Amino acid sequence: MVEMVNRPYAAAFEKFAAGNPDILCLSADLTSSCEVDGFRDRHPDQFLSMGMAEQNMMSFAGGLALAGFRPFIHTFGVFMYRRPYDQLMASVAYPRRKVRLMGFLPGITTPGGMTHQSIEDIAVMRSIPNMTILETGDATEVESICEAADGIDGPVWCRVLRGSVPRLFDTPIKVGEMRVLSEGTDVLVVTCGITTEEALRARSALAGAGVSIRHIHLHTIKPFDHRQLLDHIGSVKHGVVTLENHVTEGGVGSLVAETMADAGVGKRLVRLGLKDTYAHGGSRAYLMRYYGLDAMALVGGIETLMGQGFGLTEADLDAARVDAVHSLAKAEAL
């Protein structure tokens, strides 16, 4: 039984930041939605409400960092880079300011549709010099994201999960490393964020079908250990399947493809994720099924890679965890 942790970011950020006057919490009018309302109430001297003015907030954070503060910006991911892109580049990335960009609702983790779903943020952030990219996949990584990000000499983009989050791992994020979750010899599966839980759902059924899975989970997307990935690819017979909560262009699938191409690796690669499309509104489970980001999609991708069918059905997989779209764990449905 997977342990579920309610609002892990709220407790983790307060524990990390409280009593350290250099750390400032900035919010763009989504304070409760980003789980820092309790911090606001208990530590008002370290909290700044910037309103729905993300461009100003980004430049303001750059100025705070220049003055020696360590600002943590909190808003939905889409509003963190689509609206203030120029300020992000000029005031934060170019001068390499120590600004921690805590982007909530990564990918299709919201029923809000395309206006609230950051589906191309990794592609954007990977192309920005000086930017580090971290992504949380469970409660332990959410709990350790602040310390991990704050150890970086420069800006950090963080994909943060909120609400009720499963605990899958026992150890915190170590920037630059990847988690090796199984060491099979047939297919390498590369996942990150919420797709790792889906891969874990599929793994035992695939093992029962005779498929030996090597599974790695990425919490650090930039910088990336290309050599370690190549070692994993060299340890499997058939090739690689990537599964990500993001468009397949520019994300983890592209990162793996670039690594393989640069090294002249001739094995097959199947990239699973959003295929050149925006997502509509709906529950996470529905959207993951509809757009091919769930455990059954992974099974299908491995079948494509290996050129054979396994006859697996949803009933063969570990039970899916279904979240309530409206719940006390989420201050607003969006």
C-alpha atoms as a PDB file:
ATOM      1  CA  MET A   1       0.000   0.000   0.000  1.00  0.00           C
ATOM      2  CA  VAL A   2       1.465   3.345  -1.087  1.00  0.00           C
ATOM      3  CA  GLU A   3       1.619   6.018   1.602  1.00  0.00           C
ATOM      4  CA  MET A   4      -0.161   9.223   0.575  1.00  0.00           C
ATOM      5  CA  VAL A   5       1.147  12.505   1.959  1.00  0.00           C
ATOM      6  CA  ASN A   6      -1.162  15.509   2.110  1.00  0.00           C
ATOM      7  CA  ARG A   7       0.316  18.841   0.995  1.00  0.00           C
ATOM      8  CA  PRO A   8       3.974  17.832   1.445  1.00  0.00           C
ATOM      9  CA  TYR A   9       5.263  21.070  -0.064  1.00  0.00           C
ATOM     10  CA  ALA A  10       3.536  23.216   2.547  1.00  0.00           C
ATOM     11  CA  ALA A  11       5.339  21.573   5.442  1.00  0.00           C
ATOM     12  CA  ALA A  12       8.640  21.186   3.595  1.00  0.00           C
ATOM     13  CA  PHE A  13       8.922  24.814   2.505  1.00  0.00           C
ATOM     14  CA  GLU A  14       8.074  26.142   5.940  1.00  0.00           C
ATOM     15  CA  LYS A  15      10.574  23.837   7.617  1.00  0.00           C
ATOM     16  CA  PHE A  16      13.275  24.895   5.162  1.00  0.00           C
ATOM     17  CA  ALA A  17      12.621  28.626   5.053  1.00  0.00           C
ATOM     18  CA  ALA A  18      11.325  29.563   8.505  1.00  0.00           C
ATOM     19  CA  GLY A  19      13.835  31.527  10.520  1.00  0.00           C
ATOM     20  CA  ASN A  20      16.156  32.172   7.572  1.00  0.00           C
ATOM     21  CA  PRO A  21      15.647  35.839   6.669  1.00  0.00           C
ATOM     22  CA  ASP A  22      17.564  35.471   3.403  1.00  0.00           C
ATOM     23  CA  ILE A  23      14.820  33.221   2.011  1.00  0.00           C
ATOM     24  CA  LEU A  24      11.784  35.116   0.764  1.00  0.00           C
ATOM     25  CA  CYS A  25       8.511  33.598  -0.398  1.00  0.00           C
ATOM     26  CA  LEU A  26       6.970  35.350  -3.404  1.00  0.00           C
ATOM     27  CA  SER A  27       3.446  34.575  -4.583  1.00  0.00           C
ATOM     28  CA  ALA A  28       1.466  35.704  -7.620  1.00  0.00           C
ATOM     29  CA  ASP A  29      -2.046  35.600  -6.151  1.00  0.00           C
ATOM     30  CA  LEU A  30      -2.136  31.773  -6.001  1.00  0.00           C
ATOM     31  CA  THR A  31      -0.872  31.482  -2.449  1.00  0.00           C
ATOM     32  CA  SER A  32      -3.190  28.760  -1.148  1.00  0.00           C
ATOM     33  CA  SER A  33      -3.114  26.944  -4.480  1.00  0.00           C
ATOM     34  CA  CYS A  34       0.674  26.693  -4.137  1.00  0.00           C
ATOM     35  CA  GLU A  35       0.437  25.621  -0.483  1.00  0.00           C
ATOM     36  CA  VAL A  36       2.245  28.619   1.034  1.00  0.00           C
ATOM     37  CA  ASP A  37      -0.754  30.239   2.710  1.00  0.00           C
ATOM     38  CA  GLY A  38       0.272  28.824   6.085  1.00  0.00           C
ATOM     39  CA  PHE A  39       3.776  30.195   5.630  1.00  0.00           C
ATOM     40  CA  ARG A  40       2.288  33.585   4.755  1.00  0.00           C
ATOM     41  CA  ASP A  41       0.235  33.600   7.935  1.00  0.00           C
ATOM     42  CA  ARG A  42       3.003  32.446  10.277  1.00  0.00           C
ATOM     43  CA  HIS A  43       5.993  34.211   8.684  1.00  0.00           C
ATOM     44  CA  PRO A  44       4.675  37.464   7.196  1.00  0.00           C
ATOM     45  CA  ASP A  45       8.107  39.116   7.286  1.00  0.00           C
ATOM     46  CA  GLN A  46       9.357  36.587   4.727  1.00  0.00           C
ATOM     47  CA  PHE A  47       6.327  36.716   2.439  1.00  0.00           C
ATOM     48  CA  LEU A  48       5.648  39.042  -0.502  1.00  0.00           C
ATOM     49  CA  SER A  49       2.358  39.023  -2.415  1.00  0.00           C
ATOM     50  CA  MET A  50       3.108  40.281  -5.911  1.00  0.00           C
ATOM     51  CA  GLY A  51      -0.422  39.979  -7.295  1.00  0.00           C
ATOM     52  CA  MET A  52      -1.264  38.824 -10.807  1.00  0.00           C
ATOM     53  CA  ALA A  53       1.757  40.627 -12.243  1.00  0.00           C
ATOM     54  CA  GLU A  54       4.199  37.866 -13.097  1.00  0.00           C
ATOM     55  CA  GLN A  55       6.464  40.019 -15.243  1.00  0.00           C
ATOM     56  CA  ASN A  56       7.019  42.396 -12.350  1.00  0.00           C
ATOM     57  CA  MET A  57       7.453  39.492  -9.931  1.00  0.00           C
ATOM     58  CA  MET A  58      10.182  37.948 -12.087  1.00  0.00           C
ATOM     59  CA  SER A  59      12.166  41.184 -12.366  1.00  0.00           C
ATOM     60  CA  PHE A  60      11.603  41.881  -8.663  1.00  0.00           C
ATOM     61  CA  ALA A  61      12.955  38.424  -7.784  1.00  0.00           C
ATOM     62  CA  GLY A  62      16.030  39.079  -9.905  1.00  0.00           C
ATOM     63  CA  GLY A  63      16.617  42.294  -7.957  1.00  0.00           C
ATOM     64  CA  LEU A  64      16.156  40.543  -4.625  1.00  0.00           C
ATOM     65  CA  ALA A  65      18.721  37.912  -5.636  1.00  0.00           C
ATOM     66  CA  LEU A  66      21.144  40.638  -6.685  1.00  0.00           C
ATOM     67  CA  ALA A  67      20.755  42.115  -3.199  1.00  0.00           C
ATOM     68  CA  GLY A  68      21.667  38.805  -1.581  1.00  0.00           C
ATOM     69  CA  PHE A  69      18.245  37.344  -0.873  1.00  0.00           C
ATOM     70  CA  ARG A  70      17.144  33.873  -2.008  1.00  0.00           C
ATOM     71  CA  PRO A  71      13.667  34.333  -3.487  1.00  0.00           C
ATOM     72  CA  PHE A  72      11.377  31.344  -4.029  1.00  0.00           C
ATOM     73  CA  ILE A  73       8.674  32.253  -6.564  1.00  0.00           C
ATOM     74  CA  HIS A  74       5.365  30.383  -6.310  1.00  0.00           C
ATOM     75  CA  THR A  75       2.711  30.201  -9.014  1.00  0.00           C
ATOM     76  CA  PHE A  76       1.355  27.775 -11.590  1.00  0.00           C
ATOM     77  CA  GLY A  77       4.051  26.724 -14.021  1.00  0.00           C
ATOM     78  CA  VAL A  78       2.323  28.202 -17.067  1.00  0.00           C
ATOM     79  CA  PHE A  79       2.319  31.662 -15.502  1.00  0.00           C
ATOM     80  CA  MET A  80       5.975  31.354 -14.534  1.00  0.00           C
ATOM     81  CA  TYR A  81       7.390  31.224 -18.079  1.00  0.00           C
ATOM     82  CA  ARG A  82       4.764  31.980 -20.706  1.00  0.00           C
ATOM     83  CA  ARG A  83       3.843  35.441 -19.416  1.00  0.00           C
ATOM     84  CA  PRO A  84       7.189  36.731 -18.049  1.00  0.00           C
ATOM     85  CA  TYR A  85       9.545  35.043 -20.532  1.00  0.00           C
ATOM     86  CA  ASP A  86      11.507  38.189 -21.370  1.00  0.00           C
ATOM     87  CA  GLN A  87      11.950  39.084 -17.702  1.00  0.00           C
ATOM     88  CA  LEU A  88      12.936  35.490 -16.943  1.00  0.00           C
ATOM     89  CA  MET A  89      15.670  35.694 -19.552  1.00  0.00           C
ATOM     90  CA  ALA A  90      16.946  39.212 -18.846  1.00  0.00           C
ATOM     91  CA  SER A  91      16.548  39.509 -15.058  1.00  0.00           C
ATOM     92  CA  VAL A  92      17.134  35.935 -13.908  1.00  0.00           C
ATOM     93  CA  ALA A  93      18.749  33.561 -16.420  1.00  0.00           C
ATOM     94  CA  TYR A  94      21.253  35.853 -18.126  1.00  0.00           C
ATOM     95  CA  PRO A  95      22.739  37.261 -14.869  1.00  0.00           C
ATOM     96  CA  ARG A  96      22.451  33.779 -13.288  1.00  0.00           C
ATOM     97  CA  ARG A  97      20.513  34.967 -10.276  1.00  0.00           C
ATOM     98  CA  LYS A  98      19.738  32.541  -7.444  1.00  0.00           C
ATOM     99  CA  VAL A  99      15.994  32.560  -8.046  1.00  0.00           C
ATOM    100  CA  ARG A 100      14.043  29.361  -7.336  1.00  0.00           C
ATOM    101  CA  LEU A 101      11.071  29.033  -9.692  1.00  0.00           C
ATOM    102  CA  MET A 102       8.532  26.734  -8.043  1.00  0.00           C
ATOM    103  CA  GLY A 103       6.111  25.864 -10.844  1.00  0.00           C
ATOM    104  CA  PHE A 104       2.965  24.006  -9.807  1.00  0.00           C
ATOM    105  CA  LEU A 105       0.536  21.990 -11.990  1.00  0.00           C
ATOM    106  CA  PRO A 106       3.119  20.455 -14.332  1.00  0.00           C
ATOM    107  CA  GLY A 107       1.702  18.993 -17.535  1.00  0.00           C
ATOM    108  CA  ILE A 108      -1.753  17.460 -17.215  1.00  0.00           C
ATOM    109  CA  THR A 109      -1.944  17.395 -13.411  1.00  0.00           C
ATOM    110  CA  THR A 110      -4.765  19.971 -13.589  1.00  0.00           C
ATOM    111  CA  PRO A 111      -8.285  19.768 -15.045  1.00  0.00           C
ATOM    112  CA  GLY A 112      -7.915  23.402 -16.147  1.00  0.00           C
ATOM    113  CA  GLY A 113      -7.135  22.716 -19.809  1.00  0.00           C
ATOM    114  CA  MET A 114      -4.476  24.346 -21.941  1.00  0.00           C
ATOM    115  CA  THR A 115      -4.487  27.695 -20.110  1.00  0.00           C
ATOM    116  CA  HIS A 116      -3.234  25.977 -16.942  1.00  0.00           C
ATOM    117  CA  GLN A 117      -1.213  23.029 -18.284  1.00  0.00           C
ATOM    118  CA  SER A 118       2.526  23.613 -18.684  1.00  0.00           C
ATOM    119  CA  ILE A 119       3.196  20.997 -21.332  1.00  0.00           C
ATOM    120  CA  GLU A 120       6.247  22.531 -23.042  1.00  0.00           C
ATOM    121  CA  ASP A 121       8.110  24.099 -20.114  1.00  0.00           C
ATOM    122  CA  ILE A 122      10.974  21.573 -20.087  1.00  0.00           C
ATOM    123  CA  ALA A 123      11.614  22.213 -23.783  1.00  0.00           C
ATOM    124  CA  VAL A 124      11.718  25.958 -23.098  1.00  0.00           C
ATOM    125  CA  MET A 125      13.875  25.707 -19.972  1.00  0.00           C
ATOM    126  CA  ARG A 126      16.348  23.229 -21.491  1.00  0.00           C
ATOM    127  CA  SER A 127      17.127  25.831 -24.150  1.00  0.00           C
ATOM    128  CA  ILE A 128      17.863  28.603 -21.640  1.00  0.00           C
ATOM    129  CA  PRO A 129      21.543  28.920 -20.632  1.00  0.00           C
ATOM    130  CA  ASN A 130      22.328  28.795 -16.885  1.00  0.00           C
ATOM    131  CA  MET A 131      19.009  27.098 -16.051  1.00  0.00           C
ATOM    132  CA  THR A 132      18.796  23.978 -13.855  1.00  0.00           C
ATOM    133  CA  ILE A 133      15.647  21.823 -14.157  1.00  0.00           C
ATOM    134  CA  LEU A 134      14.307  19.593 -11.376  1.00  0.00           C
ATOM    135  CA  GLU A 135      11.072  17.598 -11.385  1.00  0.00           C
ATOM    136  CA  THR A 136       9.329  15.951  -8.438  1.00  0.00           C
ATOM    137  CA  GLY A 137       7.857  12.476  -8.787  1.00  0.00           C
ATOM    138  CA  ASP A 138       6.742  11.691  -5.246  1.00  0.00           C
ATOM    139  CA  ALA A 139       6.302  13.147  -1.759  1.00  0.00           C
ATOM    140  CA  THR A 140       9.938  12.583  -0.775  1.00  0.00           C
ATOM    141  CA  GLU A 141      11.128  14.566  -3.763  1.00  0.00           C
ATOM    142  CA  VAL A 142       8.614  17.325  -3.014  1.00  0.00           C
ATOM    143  CA  GLU A 143       9.909  17.423   0.564  1.00  0.00           C
ATOM    144  CA  SER A 144      13.515  17.720  -0.610  1.00  0.00           C
ATOM    145  CA  ILE A 145      13.040  20.039  -3.608  1.00  0.00           C
ATOM    146  CA  CYS A 146      13.685  23.270  -1.677  1.00  0.00           C
ATOM    147  CA  GLU A 147      17.044  22.174  -0.290  1.00  0.00           C
ATOM    148  CA  ALA A 148      18.065  20.680  -3.632  1.00  0.00           C
ATOM    149  CA  ALA A 149      17.156  23.843  -5.531  1.00  0.00           C
ATOM    150  CA  ASP A 150      18.760  26.158  -2.999  1.00  0.00           C
ATOM    151  CA  GLY A 151      22.095  24.400  -3.423  1.00  0.00           C
ATOM    152  CA  ILE A 152      22.356  25.543  -7.047  1.00  0.00           C
ATOM    153  CA  ASP A 153      24.450  28.584  -7.952  1.00  0.00           C
ATOM    154  CA  GLY A 154      21.954  30.049 -10.407  1.00  0.00           C
ATOM    155  CA  PRO A 155      18.262  29.880 -11.336  1.00  0.00           C
ATOM    156  CA  VAL A 156      16.352  26.630 -10.896  1.00  0.00           C
ATOM    157  CA  TRP A 157      13.116  25.565 -12.596  1.00  0.00           C
ATOM    158  CA  CYS A 158      11.122  23.139 -10.418  1.00  0.00           C
ATOM    159  CA  ARG A 159       8.082  21.099 -11.453  1.00  0.00           C
ATOM    160  CA  VAL A 160       6.283  20.699  -8.125  1.00  0.00           C
ATOM    161  CA  LEU A 161       3.439  18.328  -7.239  1.00  0.00           C
ATOM    162  CA  ARG A 162       0.799  19.446  -4.778  1.00  0.00           C
ATOM    163  CA  GLY A 163      -2.198  18.096  -2.882  1.00  0.00           C
ATOM    164  CA  SER A 164      -2.148  14.394  -2.029  1.00  0.00           C
ATOM    165  CA  VAL A 165       1.140  12.926  -3.265  1.00  0.00           C
ATOM    166  CA  PRO A 166       2.325   9.281  -3.043  1.00  0.00           C
ATOM    167  CA  ARG A 167       5.588   8.374  -1.345  1.00  0.00           C
ATOM    168  CA  LEU A 168       7.565   6.188  -3.739  1.00  0.00           C
ATOM    169  CA  PHE A 169      11.166   6.830  -2.617  1.00  0.00           C
ATOM    170  CA  ASP A 170      13.081   6.754   0.648  1.00  0.00           C
ATOM    171  CA  THR A 171      15.893   9.130  -0.256  1.00  0.00           C
ATOM    172  CA  PRO A 172      15.880  12.844  -1.152  1.00  0.00           C
ATOM    173  CA  ILE A 173      16.797  14.435  -4.459  1.00  0.00           C
ATOM    174  CA  LYS A 174      20.515  14.497  -5.200  1.00  0.00           C
ATOM    175  CA  VAL A 175      21.011  16.957  -8.023  1.00  0.00           C
ATOM    176  CA  GLY A 176      22.635  15.428 -11.092  1.00  0.00           C
ATOM    177  CA  GLU A 177      21.839  11.826 -10.201  1.00  0.00           C
ATOM    178  CA  MET A 178      19.169   9.488 -11.546  1.00  0.00           C
ATOM    179  CA  ARG A 179      17.282   6.833  -9.620  1.00  0.00           C
ATOM    180  CA  VAL A 180      17.769   3.253 -10.806  1.00  0.00           C
ATOM    181  CA  LEU A 181      14.529   1.485  -9.882  1.00  0.00           C
ATOM    182  CA  SER A 182      15.178  -1.853 -11.592  1.00  0.00           C
ATOM    183  CA  GLU A 183      18.088  -3.353 -13.517  1.00  0.00           C
ATOM    184  CA  GLY A 184      16.559  -5.521 -16.244  1.00  0.00           C
ATOM    185  CA  THR A 185      18.212  -6.435 -19.527  1.00  0.00           C
ATOM    186  CA  ASP A 186      15.523  -6.230 -22.240  1.00  0.00           C
ATOM    187  CA  VAL A 187      14.204  -2.658 -22.333  1.00  0.00           C
ATOM    188  CA  LEU A 188      15.251   0.611 -20.681  1.00  0.00           C
ATOM    189  CA  VAL A 189      12.297   2.662 -19.454  1.00  0.00           C
ATOM    190  CA  VAL A 190      12.998   6.329 -18.637  1.00  0.00           C
ATOM    191  CA  THR A 191      10.348   8.224 -16.678  1.00  0.00           C
ATOM    192  CA  CYS A 192      10.006  11.387 -14.603  1.00  0.00           C
ATOM    193  CA  GLY A 193       7.374  13.112 -12.534  1.00  0.00           C
ATOM    194  CA  ILE A 194       3.966  11.433 -12.351  1.00  0.00           C
ATOM    195  CA  THR A 195       4.793   8.935 -15.103  1.00  0.00           C
ATOM    196  CA  THR A 196       7.130   7.014 -12.799  1.00  0.00           C
ATOM    197  CA  GLU A 197       4.179   5.836 -10.721  1.00  0.00           C
ATOM    198  CA  GLU A 198       2.556   4.582 -13.937  1.00  0.00           C
ATOM    199  CA  ALA A 199       5.686   2.668 -14.905  1.00  0.00           C
ATOM    200  CA  LEU A 200       5.747   1.039 -11.485  1.00  0.00           C
ATOM    201  CA  ARG A 201       2.140  -0.063 -12.081  1.00  0.00           C
ATOM    202  CA  ALA A 202       3.166  -1.816 -15.291  1.00  0.00           C
ATOM    203  CA  ARG A 203       6.449  -3.389 -14.221  1.00  0.00           C
ATOM    204  CA  SER A 204       5.244  -6.535 -12.425  1.00  0.00           C
ATOM    205  CA  ALA A 205       2.809  -7.374 -15.223  1.00  0.00           C
ATOM    206  CA  LEU A 206       5.572  -6.980 -17.794  1.00  0.00           C
ATOM    207  CA  ALA A 207       7.850  -9.174 -15.696  1.00  0.00           C
ATOM    208  CA  GLY A 208       5.096 -11.796 -15.665  1.00  0.00           C
ATOM    209  CA  ALA A 209       5.027 -11.583 -19.462  1.00  0.00           C
ATOM    210  CA  GLY A 210       8.755 -12.298 -19.533  1.00  0.00           C
ATOM    211  CA  VAL A 211      10.016  -8.777 -20.162  1.00  0.00           C
ATOM    212  CA  SER A 212      13.037  -7.689 -18.118  1.00  0.00           C
ATOM    213  CA  ILE A 213      12.740  -3.939 -17.481  1.00  0.00           C
ATOM    214  CA  ARG A 214      15.575  -1.588 -16.568  1.00  0.00           C
ATOM    215  CA  HIS A 215      13.827   1.470 -15.141  1.00  0.00           C
ATOM    216  CA  ILE A 216      15.383   4.841 -14.345  1.00  0.00           C
ATOM    217  CA  HIS A 217      13.613   7.842 -12.848  1.00  0.00           C
ATOM    218  CA  LEU A 218      14.860  11.365 -13.538  1.00  0.00           C
ATOM    219  CA  HIS A 219      14.443  14.170 -11.038  1.00  0.00           C
ATOM    220  CA  THR A 220      17.323  16.168 -12.548  1.00  0.00           C
ATOM    221  CA  ILE A 221      16.686  16.958 -16.201  1.00  0.00           C
ATOM    222  CA  LYS A 222      19.371  19.631 -16.531  1.00  0.00           C
ATOM    223  CA  PRO A 223      22.274  19.143 -15.882  1.00  0.00           C
ATOM    224  CA  PHE A 224      22.097  15.608 -17.238  1.00  0.00           C
ATOM    225  CA  ASP A 225      24.490  12.678 -16.891  1.00  0.00           C
ATOM    226  CA  HIS A 226      24.716  11.512 -20.509  1.00  0.00           C
ATOM    227  CA  ARG A 227      27.385   8.916 -19.782  1.00  0.00           C
ATOM    228  CA  GLN A 228      25.292   7.178 -17.141  1.00  0.00           C
ATOM    229  CA  LEU A 229      22.328   7.033 -19.517  1.00  0.00           C
ATOM    230  CA  LEU A 230      24.507   5.532 -22.233  1.00  0.00           C
ATOM    231  CA  ASP A 231      25.703   2.871 -19.806  1.00  0.00           C
ATOM    232  CA  HIS A 232      22.079   1.940 -19.090  1.00  0.00           C
ATOM    233  CA  ILE A 233      21.235   1.842 -22.796  1.00  0.00           C
ATOM    234  CA  GLY A 234      24.228  -0.410 -23.389  1.00  0.00           C
ATOM    235  CA  SER A 235      22.898  -2.822 -20.749  1.00  0.00           C
ATOM    236  CA  VAL A 236      19.631  -3.631 -22.567  1.00  0.00           C
ATOM    237  CA  LYS A 237      18.962  -5.637 -25.711  1.00  0.00           C
ATOM    238  CA  HIS A 238      16.096  -3.908 -27.470  1.00  0.00           C
ATOM    239  CA  GLY A 239      16.218  -0.190 -26.830  1.00  0.00           C
ATOM    240  CA  VAL A 240      14.542   2.602 -24.867  1.00  0.00           C
ATOM    241  CA  VAL A 241      11.019   3.804 -24.074  1.00  0.00           C
ATOM    242  CA  THR A 242      10.540   7.257 -22.544  1.00  0.00           C
ATOM    243  CA  LEU A 243       7.304   8.294 -20.827  1.00  0.00           C
ATOM    244  CA  GLU A 244       6.778  11.906 -19.778  1.00  0.00           C
ATOM    245  CA  ASN A 245       4.118  14.357 -18.643  1.00  0.00           C
ATOM    246  CA  HIS A 246       5.084  16.783 -21.406  1.00  0.00           C
ATOM    247  CA  VAL A 247       5.118  17.049 -25.169  1.00  0.00           C
ATOM    248  CA  THR A 248       7.532  14.584 -26.758  1.00  0.00           C
ATOM    249  CA  GLU A 249       9.330  17.432 -28.547  1.00  0.00           C
ATOM    250  CA  GLY A 250      12.058  19.013 -26.466  1.00  0.00           C
ATOM    251  CA  GLY A 251      11.432  17.069 -23.268  1.00  0.00           C
ATOM    252  CA  VAL A 252      12.952  13.918 -21.804  1.00  0.00           C
ATOM    253  CA  GLY A 253      12.279  11.944 -24.992  1.00  0.00           C
ATOM    254  CA  SER A 254      14.275  14.485 -26.965  1.00  0.00           C
ATOM    255  CA  LEU A 255      16.989  14.517 -24.322  1.00  0.00           C
ATOM    256  CA  VAL A 256      17.395  10.759 -24.655  1.00  0.00           C
ATOM    257  CA  ALA A 257      17.242  10.943 -28.465  1.00  0.00           C
ATOM    258  CA  GLU A 258      19.949  13.613 -28.547  1.00  0.00           C
ATOM    259  CA  THR A 259      22.157  11.580 -26.225  1.00  0.00           C
ATOM    260  CA  MET A 260      21.789   8.478 -28.390  1.00  0.00           C
ATOM    261  CA  ALA A 261      22.371  10.378 -31.622  1.00  0.00           C
ATOM    262  CA  ASP A 262      25.453  12.202 -30.328  1.00  0.00           C
ATOM    263  CA  ALA A 263      26.974   8.887 -29.235  1.00  0.00           C
ATOM    264  CA  GLY A 264      26.001   7.024 -32.410  1.00  0.00           C
ATOM    265  CA  VAL A 265      23.790   4.536 -30.568  1.00  0.00           C
ATOM    266  CA  GLY A 266      21.773   2.500 -33.060  1.00  0.00           C
ATOM    267  CA  LYS A 267      19.122   1.043 -30.771  1.00  0.00           C
ATOM    268  CA  ARG A 268      15.441   1.865 -31.087  1.00  0.00           C
ATOM    269  CA  LEU A 269      13.716   4.618 -29.138  1.00  0.00           C
ATOM    270  CA  VAL A 270       9.977   5.011 -28.526  1.00  0.00           C
ATOM    271  CA  ARG A 271       8.921   8.379 -27.073  1.00  0.00           C
ATOM    272  CA  LEU A 272       5.605   8.526 -25.211  1.00  0.00           C
ATOM    273  CA  GLY A 273       3.999  11.779 -24.132  1.00  0.00           C
ATOM    274  CA  LEU A 274       1.748  14.445 -25.580  1.00  0.00           C
ATOM    275  CA  LYS A 275       2.034  14.160 -29.363  1.00  0.00           C
ATOM    276  CA  ASP A 276       2.044  17.687 -30.801  1.00  0.00           C
ATOM    277  CA  THR A 277      -1.215  18.514 -29.046  1.00  0.00           C
ATOM    278  CA  TYR A 278      -2.703  20.593 -26.279  1.00  0.00           C
ATOM    279  CA  ALA A 279      -4.698  18.705 -23.663  1.00  0.00           C
ATOM    280  CA  HIS A 280      -8.280  19.456 -22.743  1.00  0.00           C
ATOM    281  CA  GLY A 281      -9.732  19.488 -19.224  1.00  0.00           C
ATOM    282  CA  GLY A 282     -10.424  16.358 -17.230  1.00  0.00           C
ATOM    283  CA  SER A 283      -9.209  14.236 -14.349  1.00  0.00           C
ATOM    284  CA  ARG A 284      -5.577  13.222 -14.318  1.00  0.00           C
ATOM    285  CA  ALA A 285      -6.404   9.532 -14.790  1.00  0.00           C
ATOM    286  CA  TYR A 286      -8.649  10.312 -17.754  1.00  0.00           C
ATOM    287  CA  LEU A 287      -6.128  12.604 -19.412  1.00  0.00           C
ATOM    288  CA  MET A 288      -3.261  10.137 -18.931  1.00  0.00           C
ATOM    289  CA  ARG A 289      -5.331   7.415 -20.584  1.00  0.00           C
ATOM    290  CA  TYR A 290      -6.660   9.636 -23.371  1.00  0.00           C
ATOM    291  CA  TYR A 291      -3.256  11.046 -24.328  1.00  0.00           C
ATOM    292  CA  GLY A 292      -1.233   7.869 -23.790  1.00  0.00           C
ATOM    293  CA  LEU A 293       0.736   8.697 -20.671  1.00  0.00           C
ATOM    294  CA  ASP A 294      -0.385   5.849 -18.421  1.00  0.00           C
ATOM    295  CA  ALA A 295       0.738   2.302 -17.646  1.00  0.00           C
ATOM    296  CA  MET A 296      -1.143   0.742 -20.557  1.00  0.00           C
ATOM    297  CA  ALA A 297       0.456   3.232 -22.930  1.00  0.00           C
ATOM    298  CA  LEU A 298       3.847   2.148 -21.621  1.00  0.00           C
ATOM    299  CA  VAL A 299       2.972  -1.488 -22.235  1.00  0.00           C
ATOM    300  CA  GLY A 300       1.988  -0.561 -25.788  1.00  0.00           C
ATOM    301  CA  GLY A 301       5.229   1.342 -26.287  1.00  0.00           C
ATOM    302  CA  ILE A 302       7.286  -1.641 -25.147  1.00  0.00           C
ATOM    303  CA  GLU A 303       5.277  -3.912 -27.462  1.00  0.00           C
ATOM    304  CA  THR A 304       6.069  -1.549 -30.338  1.00  0.00           C
ATOM    305  CA  LEU A 305       9.747  -1.486 -29.411  1.00  0.00           C
ATOM    306  CA  MET A 306      10.036  -5.265 -29.166  1.00  0.00           C
ATOM    307  CA  GLY A 307       7.731  -6.024 -32.077  1.00  0.00           C
ATOM    308  CA  GLN A 308       5.496  -8.392 -30.130  1.00  0.00           C
ATOM    309  CA  GLY A 309       2.288  -8.341 -28.125  1.00  0.00           C
ATOM    310  CA  PHE A 310       1.950  -9.497 -24.539  1.00  0.00           C
ATOM    311  CA  GLY A 311      -1.834  -9.665 -24.256  1.00  0.00           C
ATOM    312  CA  LEU A 312      -1.840  -7.585 -21.078  1.00  0.00           C
ATOM    313  CA  THR A 313      -4.986  -5.736 -20.003  1.00  0.00           C
ATOM    314  CA  GLU A 314      -5.703  -3.077 -17.398  1.00  0.00           C
ATOM    315  CA  ALA A 315      -6.744  -5.875 -15.037  1.00  0.00           C
ATOM    316  CA  ASP A 316      -3.199  -7.248 -15.168  1.00  0.00           C
ATOM    317  CA  LEU A 317      -1.689  -3.999 -13.909  1.00  0.00           C
ATOM    318  CA  ASP A 318      -1.412  -2.777 -10.356  1.00  0.00           C
ATOM    319  CA  ALA A 319      -4.432  -0.712  -9.361  1.00  0.00           C
ATOM    320  CA  ALA A 320      -4.522   2.870 -10.526  1.00  0.00           C
ATOM    321  CA  ARG A 321      -4.640   5.610  -7.931  1.00  0.00           C
ATOM    322  CA  VAL A 322      -7.553   7.927  -8.686  1.00  0.00           C
ATOM    323  CA  ASP A 323      -7.465  11.412  -7.174  1.00  0.00           C
ATOM    324  CA  ALA A 324     -10.519  13.493  -6.384  1.00  0.00           C
ATOM    325  CA  VAL A 325     -10.486  16.467  -8.743  1.00  0.00           C
ATOM    326  CA  HIS A 326     -12.103  18.602  -6.022  1.00  0.00           C
ATOM    327  CA  SER A 327     -10.757  17.900  -2.562  1.00  0.00           C
ATOM    328  CA  LEU A 328      -9.592  19.544   0.629  1.00  0.00           C
ATOM    329  CA  ALA A 329      -6.031  18.867  -0.490  1.00  0.00           C
ATOM    330  CA  LYS A 330      -6.491  21.292  -3.354  1.00  0.00           C
ATOM    331  CA  ALA A 331      -7.604  24.769  -2.443  1.00  0.00           C
ATOM    332  CA  GLU A 332      -9.217  25.251  -5.860  1.00  0.00           C
ATOM    333  CA  ALA A 333     -10.117  22.738  -8.545  1.00  0.00           C
ATOM    334  CA  LEU A 334      -7.528  24.339 -10.771  1.00  0.00           C
END
